[in-house]
Structure formats: structure tokens, C-alpha cells
């Protein structure tokens, strides 16, 4: 059995040049020793949640794949922008589908939230709404340190698609280290 913590990232943005995708792509490179980070499948093609559709057709394959990977992981990092002071519709839709699965995959799962935006407060309002959603699902959300990447466009390299600002990298690394400690506390 491996001592490496297996973490998966759930990306809340669908945009090709997403700054949040750049943050998520940076995480494996800066993960502390003893932690591996892999991306979950894109939520882009998940149909809108519809209970009739669920009853008639079952769960979409992407939802099933995401759920299996979450169940197998030690923790989940949700990396997302803020849309209209809240959670992007695509991310909320993915969570709605996941929440209806038997053996709901987020229940009891350590979760870390990271938001970024071009604005100064870096998606703070989204974080608070997302926390409310995750409380209902019984996810174990780490409270701090938080990451709200304000003015993120100045902290990434569009060519490499990764975060380059050293202060931001240091903060993200520290948060991942704290998340690893949090997971160990929750597991024990």
C-alpha cells in the first residue's frame, strides 16, 4: 500500500484559456512530497441534470467516471471561477449529478476549494456558496488556509498555461501541504 496521498482536481471552468485550468495544471508540479495530483474528466459534456433522464437513461458515463475517481482518491481539489457572485452552472450541474449517485462520492471526502478571477477578491463569493453546497453533501471541506487568486491574469503565463508568480506558487504549495495534513487528521 502506498503512502502517497492521491488527490484529484475537479475543474469548474469550461473555457479553453481558463485561468483556473492554469492553476489546476500547476498543482501536480508543486505538490508536496507524498502527494500525487491528477485531473478528473472534464464536466463539459455532462447534460443538464434531469430526474426523468436519470430514471430513463441512468447516469452519464462521465459522471460515473468522475465518481469512481473521487471514491478512489484521498481528497478532491475543486478549482473554479466565480460566475455572477456564485458557482458556475456547469460545476453545480456536475455536483447535482454526483449527489444523486448511490454511495455519494463526496460524502466524508476531504475537499479543498481554490478560486481565481480577474477581479481583486478572487472568487470569494463562489467559495462561500460552494461551501454551502458541500455541507449538504457531507464533504469534509478544509477551511483554511484559503486560496482566492485575485487578478490571476497577472500571475500566469499564457504560453505555458501555468502559474508563474512566486508568491502565488508559495501560497498554493502551502495550502496543498496543509491539505495533506488535514487529510491525515480526517482519516485518523
C-alpha atoms as a PDB file:
ATOM      1  CA  UNK A   1       0.000   0.000   0.000  1.00  0.00           C
ATOM      2  CA  UNK A   2       1.348   3.416  -0.975  1.00  0.00           C
ATOM      3  CA  UNK A   3       1.852   6.248   1.486  1.00  0.00           C
ATOM      4  CA  UNK A   4       1.264   8.733  -1.332  1.00  0.00           C
ATOM      5  CA  UNK A   5      -1.925  10.754  -0.979  1.00  0.00           C
ATOM      6  CA  UNK A   6      -3.935  10.536  -4.192  1.00  0.00           C
ATOM      7  CA  UNK A   7      -5.657  13.845  -4.959  1.00  0.00           C
ATOM      8  CA  UNK A   8      -7.954  14.628  -7.895  1.00  0.00           C
ATOM      9  CA  UNK A   9      -8.898  18.041  -9.264  1.00  0.00           C
ATOM     10  CA  UNK A  10     -12.393  18.978 -10.362  1.00  0.00           C
ATOM     11  CA  UNK A  11     -12.297  21.972 -12.705  1.00  0.00           C
ATOM     12  CA  UNK A  12     -15.313  24.274 -12.702  1.00  0.00           C
ATOM     13  CA  UNK A  13     -14.408  26.159 -15.872  1.00  0.00           C
ATOM     14  CA  UNK A  14     -15.178  25.116 -19.436  1.00  0.00           C
ATOM     15  CA  UNK A  15     -13.246  27.913 -21.129  1.00  0.00           C
ATOM     16  CA  UNK A  16     -10.299  26.912 -23.331  1.00  0.00           C
ATOM     17  CA  UNK A  17      -7.958  29.581 -21.916  1.00  0.00           C
ATOM     18  CA  UNK A  18      -9.249  29.285 -18.358  1.00  0.00           C
ATOM     19  CA  UNK A  19      -7.076  30.834 -15.660  1.00  0.00           C
ATOM     20  CA  UNK A  20      -8.462  28.270 -13.226  1.00  0.00           C
ATOM     21  CA  UNK A  21      -7.361  25.471 -15.563  1.00  0.00           C
ATOM     22  CA  UNK A  22      -3.889  27.034 -15.423  1.00  0.00           C
ATOM     23  CA  UNK A  23      -3.993  26.870 -11.618  1.00  0.00           C
ATOM     24  CA  UNK A  24      -5.158  23.242 -11.749  1.00  0.00           C
ATOM     25  CA  UNK A  25      -2.406  22.314 -14.249  1.00  0.00           C
ATOM     26  CA  UNK A  26       0.180  23.849 -11.921  1.00  0.00           C
ATOM     27  CA  UNK A  27      -0.803  21.796  -8.877  1.00  0.00           C
ATOM     28  CA  UNK A  28       0.883  18.475  -9.784  1.00  0.00           C
ATOM     29  CA  UNK A  29       4.202  20.280 -10.275  1.00  0.00           C
ATOM     30  CA  UNK A  30       4.096  21.968  -6.858  1.00  0.00           C
ATOM     31  CA  UNK A  31       2.534  19.145  -4.841  1.00  0.00           C
ATOM     32  CA  UNK A  32       4.452  18.355  -1.673  1.00  0.00           C
ATOM     33  CA  UNK A  33       6.327  15.078  -1.330  1.00  0.00           C
ATOM     34  CA  UNK A  34       3.948  12.198  -0.722  1.00  0.00           C
ATOM     35  CA  UNK A  35       1.099  13.675  -2.775  1.00  0.00           C
ATOM     36  CA  UNK A  36       0.066  12.997  -6.362  1.00  0.00           C
ATOM     37  CA  UNK A  37      -2.491  15.168  -8.162  1.00  0.00           C
ATOM     38  CA  UNK A  38      -4.463  14.122 -11.243  1.00  0.00           C
ATOM     39  CA  UNK A  39      -7.240  15.867 -13.166  1.00  0.00           C
ATOM     40  CA  UNK A  40     -10.752  14.436 -13.286  1.00  0.00           C
ATOM     41  CA  UNK A  41     -12.513  14.230 -16.668  1.00  0.00           C
ATOM     42  CA  UNK A  42     -14.000  17.478 -17.973  1.00  0.00           C
ATOM     43  CA  UNK A  43     -17.541  18.330 -16.899  1.00  0.00           C
ATOM     44  CA  UNK A  44     -18.144  19.951 -20.288  1.00  0.00           C
ATOM     45  CA  UNK A  45     -20.332  17.245 -21.813  1.00  0.00           C
ATOM     46  CA  UNK A  46     -22.458  16.370 -18.787  1.00  0.00           C
ATOM     47  CA  UNK A  47     -26.108  17.022 -19.711  1.00  0.00           C
ATOM     48  CA  UNK A  48     -28.249  19.231 -17.502  1.00  0.00           C
ATOM     49  CA  UNK A  49     -29.498  17.291 -14.522  1.00  0.00           C
ATOM     50  CA  UNK A  50     -32.985  15.931 -15.129  1.00  0.00           C
ATOM     51  CA  UNK A  51     -34.515  13.344 -12.771  1.00  0.00           C
ATOM     52  CA  UNK A  52     -36.584  11.911 -15.647  1.00  0.00           C
ATOM     53  CA  UNK A  53     -33.433  11.480 -17.746  1.00  0.00           C
ATOM     54  CA  UNK A  54     -31.700   9.838 -14.796  1.00  0.00           C
ATOM     55  CA  UNK A  55     -34.585   7.411 -14.325  1.00  0.00           C
ATOM     56  CA  UNK A  56     -34.878   6.586 -18.027  1.00  0.00           C
ATOM     57  CA  UNK A  57     -31.205   6.502 -19.043  1.00  0.00           C
ATOM     58  CA  UNK A  58     -29.245   6.210 -15.803  1.00  0.00           C
ATOM     59  CA  UNK A  59     -26.164   8.241 -15.028  1.00  0.00           C
ATOM     60  CA  UNK A  60     -23.927   9.669 -17.783  1.00  0.00           C
ATOM     61  CA  UNK A  61     -20.655   7.790 -18.234  1.00  0.00           C
ATOM     62  CA  UNK A  62     -18.645  10.921 -17.381  1.00  0.00           C
ATOM     63  CA  UNK A  63     -20.462  11.260 -14.058  1.00  0.00           C
ATOM     64  CA  UNK A  64     -19.790   7.600 -13.258  1.00  0.00           C
ATOM     65  CA  UNK A  65     -16.100   8.002 -14.175  1.00  0.00           C
ATOM     66  CA  UNK A  66     -15.719  11.141 -12.056  1.00  0.00           C
ATOM     67  CA  UNK A  67     -17.461   9.444  -9.129  1.00  0.00           C
ATOM     68  CA  UNK A  68     -15.211   6.371  -9.295  1.00  0.00           C
ATOM     69  CA  UNK A  69     -12.075   8.505  -9.340  1.00  0.00           C
ATOM     70  CA  UNK A  70     -13.336  10.613  -6.407  1.00  0.00           C
ATOM     71  CA  UNK A  71     -14.124   7.476  -4.402  1.00  0.00           C
ATOM     72  CA  UNK A  72     -10.610   6.131  -5.067  1.00  0.00           C
ATOM     73  CA  UNK A  73      -8.935   9.427  -4.123  1.00  0.00           C
ATOM     74  CA  UNK A  74      -7.859  10.583  -0.683  1.00  0.00           C
ATOM     75  CA  UNK A  75      -9.056  14.110  -1.424  1.00  0.00           C
ATOM     76  CA  UNK A  76     -10.535  16.452  -4.022  1.00  0.00           C
ATOM     77  CA  UNK A  77      -9.415  19.943  -5.010  1.00  0.00           C
ATOM     78  CA  UNK A  78     -12.181  21.953  -6.668  1.00  0.00           C
ATOM     79  CA  UNK A  79     -10.644  24.701  -8.810  1.00  0.00           C
ATOM     80  CA  UNK A  80     -13.226  27.107 -10.148  1.00  0.00           C
ATOM     81  CA  UNK A  81     -14.024  30.635 -11.255  1.00  0.00           C
ATOM     82  CA  UNK A  82     -16.864  32.698  -9.843  1.00  0.00           C
ATOM     83  CA  UNK A  83     -19.812  33.437 -12.138  1.00  0.00           C
ATOM     84  CA  UNK A  84     -22.335  36.107 -11.150  1.00  0.00           C
ATOM     85  CA  UNK A  85     -21.271  36.051  -7.486  1.00  0.00           C
ATOM     86  CA  UNK A  86     -21.678  32.266  -7.279  1.00  0.00           C
ATOM     87  CA  UNK A  87     -20.805  28.778  -8.534  1.00  0.00           C
ATOM     88  CA  UNK A  88     -20.588  28.258 -12.327  1.00  0.00           C
ATOM     89  CA  UNK A  89     -23.609  26.399 -13.695  1.00  0.00           C
ATOM     90  CA  UNK A  90     -21.534  23.575 -15.180  1.00  0.00           C
ATOM     91  CA  UNK A  91     -19.892  22.816 -11.829  1.00  0.00           C
ATOM     92  CA  UNK A  92     -23.208  22.978  -9.972  1.00  0.00           C
ATOM     93  CA  UNK A  93     -24.716  20.638 -12.566  1.00  0.00           C
ATOM     94  CA  UNK A  94     -21.860  18.119 -12.152  1.00  0.00           C
ATOM     95  CA  UNK A  95     -22.304  18.215  -8.381  1.00  0.00           C
ATOM     96  CA  UNK A  96     -26.072  17.755  -8.787  1.00  0.00           C
ATOM     97  CA  UNK A  97     -25.476  14.572 -10.812  1.00  0.00           C
ATOM     98  CA  UNK A  98     -22.797  13.292  -8.399  1.00  0.00           C
ATOM     99  CA  UNK A  99     -25.047  13.905  -5.403  1.00  0.00           C
ATOM    100  CA  UNK A 100     -27.681  11.503  -6.729  1.00  0.00           C
ATOM    101  CA  UNK A 101     -25.387   8.516  -7.105  1.00  0.00           C
ATOM    102  CA  UNK A 102     -25.641   5.638  -4.674  1.00  0.00           C
ATOM    103  CA  UNK A 103     -22.592   5.781  -2.394  1.00  0.00           C
ATOM    104  CA  UNK A 104     -22.436   9.541  -2.930  1.00  0.00           C
ATOM    105  CA  UNK A 105     -18.723  10.094  -3.685  1.00  0.00           C
ATOM    106  CA  UNK A 106     -18.252  13.413  -1.859  1.00  0.00           C
ATOM    107  CA  UNK A 107     -19.704  12.221   1.470  1.00  0.00           C
ATOM    108  CA  UNK A 108     -16.895  12.143   4.024  1.00  0.00           C
ATOM    109  CA  UNK A 109     -14.335  13.127   1.368  1.00  0.00           C
ATOM    110  CA  UNK A 110     -11.746  15.806   2.229  1.00  0.00           C
ATOM    111  CA  UNK A 111     -12.225  18.727  -0.173  1.00  0.00           C
ATOM    112  CA  UNK A 112     -10.126  21.798  -0.833  1.00  0.00           C
ATOM    113  CA  UNK A 113     -11.535  24.797  -2.702  1.00  0.00           C
ATOM    114  CA  UNK A 114      -9.462  27.108  -4.897  1.00  0.00           C
ATOM    115  CA  UNK A 115     -10.960  30.022  -6.784  1.00  0.00           C
ATOM    116  CA  UNK A 116      -9.379  32.572  -9.082  1.00  0.00           C
ATOM    117  CA  UNK A 117     -10.676  35.536 -11.009  1.00  0.00           C
ATOM    118  CA  UNK A 118      -9.527  38.605 -12.856  1.00  0.00           C
ATOM    119  CA  UNK A 119     -11.098  40.704 -10.080  1.00  0.00           C
ATOM    120  CA  UNK A 120      -9.473  41.687  -6.817  1.00  0.00           C
ATOM    121  CA  UNK A 121     -11.277  39.292  -4.484  1.00  0.00           C
ATOM    122  CA  UNK A 122     -10.511  36.139  -6.458  1.00  0.00           C
ATOM    123  CA  UNK A 123     -13.845  34.338  -6.340  1.00  0.00           C
ATOM    124  CA  UNK A 124     -14.598  34.688  -2.620  1.00  0.00           C
ATOM    125  CA  UNK A 125     -18.363  34.690  -3.089  1.00  0.00           C
ATOM    126  CA  UNK A 126     -18.206  31.476  -5.113  1.00  0.00           C
ATOM    127  CA  UNK A 127     -16.244  29.808  -2.326  1.00  0.00           C
ATOM    128  CA  UNK A 128     -18.894  30.566   0.250  1.00  0.00           C
ATOM    129  CA  UNK A 129     -21.723  29.302  -1.952  1.00  0.00           C
ATOM    130  CA  UNK A 130     -19.756  26.180  -2.837  1.00  0.00           C
ATOM    131  CA  UNK A 131     -19.121  25.532   0.850  1.00  0.00           C
ATOM    132  CA  UNK A 132     -22.888  25.667   1.482  1.00  0.00           C
ATOM    133  CA  UNK A 133     -23.489  23.073  -1.243  1.00  0.00           C
ATOM    134  CA  UNK A 134     -20.735  20.794   0.050  1.00  0.00           C
ATOM    135  CA  UNK A 135     -22.068  20.931   3.630  1.00  0.00           C
ATOM    136  CA  UNK A 136     -25.273  19.282   2.433  1.00  0.00           C
ATOM    137  CA  UNK A 137     -23.244  16.554   0.707  1.00  0.00           C
ATOM    138  CA  UNK A 138     -21.296  15.827   3.909  1.00  0.00           C
ATOM    139  CA  UNK A 139     -17.976  16.695   2.278  1.00  0.00           C
ATOM    140  CA  UNK A 140     -15.160  17.492   4.698  1.00  0.00           C
ATOM    141  CA  UNK A 141     -14.147  20.948   3.425  1.00  0.00           C
ATOM    142  CA  UNK A 142     -10.844  22.332   4.708  1.00  0.00           C
ATOM    143  CA  UNK A 143     -11.461  25.852   5.970  1.00  0.00           C
ATOM    144  CA  UNK A 144      -8.003  27.407   5.877  1.00  0.00           C
ATOM    145  CA  UNK A 145      -5.675  28.405   4.510  1.00  0.00           C
ATOM    146  CA  UNK A 146      -7.931  29.587   1.694  1.00  0.00           C
ATOM    147  CA  UNK A 147      -6.865  30.375  -1.863  1.00  0.00           C
ATOM    148  CA  UNK A 148      -8.668  33.150  -3.669  1.00  0.00           C
ATOM    149  CA  UNK A 149      -6.425  34.136  -6.566  1.00  0.00           C
ATOM    150  CA  UNK A 150      -7.273  37.736  -7.338  1.00  0.00           C
ATOM    151  CA  UNK A 151      -6.035  39.421 -10.524  1.00  0.00           C
ATOM    152  CA  UNK A 152      -4.963  35.940 -11.648  1.00  0.00           C
ATOM    153  CA  UNK A 153      -4.284  37.071 -15.214  1.00  0.00           C
ATOM    154  CA  UNK A 154      -1.123  38.774 -13.906  1.00  0.00           C
ATOM    155  CA  UNK A 155       0.089  35.612 -12.153  1.00  0.00           C
ATOM    156  CA  UNK A 156       0.083  33.101 -15.011  1.00  0.00           C
ATOM    157  CA  UNK A 157       1.997  32.529 -18.215  1.00  0.00           C
ATOM    158  CA  UNK A 158      -0.485  32.127 -21.056  1.00  0.00           C
ATOM    159  CA  UNK A 159       2.186  30.361 -23.166  1.00  0.00           C
ATOM    160  CA  UNK A 160       2.916  27.580 -20.664  1.00  0.00           C
ATOM    161  CA  UNK A 161      -0.597  27.612 -19.193  1.00  0.00           C
ATOM    162  CA  UNK A 162       0.672  27.594 -15.619  1.00  0.00           C
ATOM    163  CA  UNK A 163       1.030  29.882 -12.619  1.00  0.00           C
ATOM    164  CA  UNK A 164       4.394  31.691 -12.579  1.00  0.00           C
ATOM    165  CA  UNK A 165       4.002  34.273  -9.791  1.00  0.00           C
ATOM    166  CA  UNK A 166       6.251  33.057  -6.954  1.00  0.00           C
ATOM    167  CA  UNK A 167       4.096  34.412  -4.142  1.00  0.00           C
ATOM    168  CA  UNK A 168       1.065  32.609  -5.603  1.00  0.00           C
ATOM    169  CA  UNK A 169       3.061  29.403  -6.064  1.00  0.00           C
ATOM    170  CA  UNK A 170       4.242  29.587  -2.453  1.00  0.00           C
ATOM    171  CA  UNK A 171       0.684  30.109  -1.218  1.00  0.00           C
ATOM    172  CA  UNK A 172      -0.660  27.210  -3.302  1.00  0.00           C
ATOM    173  CA  UNK A 173       2.160  24.921  -2.127  1.00  0.00           C
ATOM    174  CA  UNK A 174       1.475  25.848   1.482  1.00  0.00           C
ATOM    175  CA  UNK A 175      -2.222  25.198   1.019  1.00  0.00           C
ATOM    176  CA  UNK A 176      -1.567  21.775  -0.536  1.00  0.00           C
ATOM    177  CA  UNK A 177       0.749  20.895   2.352  1.00  0.00           C
ATOM    178  CA  UNK A 178      -1.964  21.919   4.831  1.00  0.00           C
ATOM    179  CA  UNK A 179      -4.482  19.845   2.847  1.00  0.00           C
ATOM    180  CA  UNK A 180      -2.255  16.783   3.154  1.00  0.00           C
ATOM    181  CA  UNK A 181      -2.119  17.312   6.936  1.00  0.00           C
ATOM    182  CA  UNK A 182      -5.894  17.834   7.005  1.00  0.00           C
ATOM    183  CA  UNK A 183      -6.498  14.571   5.130  1.00  0.00           C
ATOM    184  CA  UNK A 184      -4.309  12.694   7.626  1.00  0.00           C
ATOM    185  CA  UNK A 185      -6.303  14.179  10.529  1.00  0.00           C
ATOM    186  CA  UNK A 186      -9.645  13.332   8.903  1.00  0.00           C
ATOM    187  CA  UNK A 187      -8.529   9.770   8.103  1.00  0.00           C
ATOM    188  CA  UNK A 188      -7.333   9.030  11.640  1.00  0.00           C
END
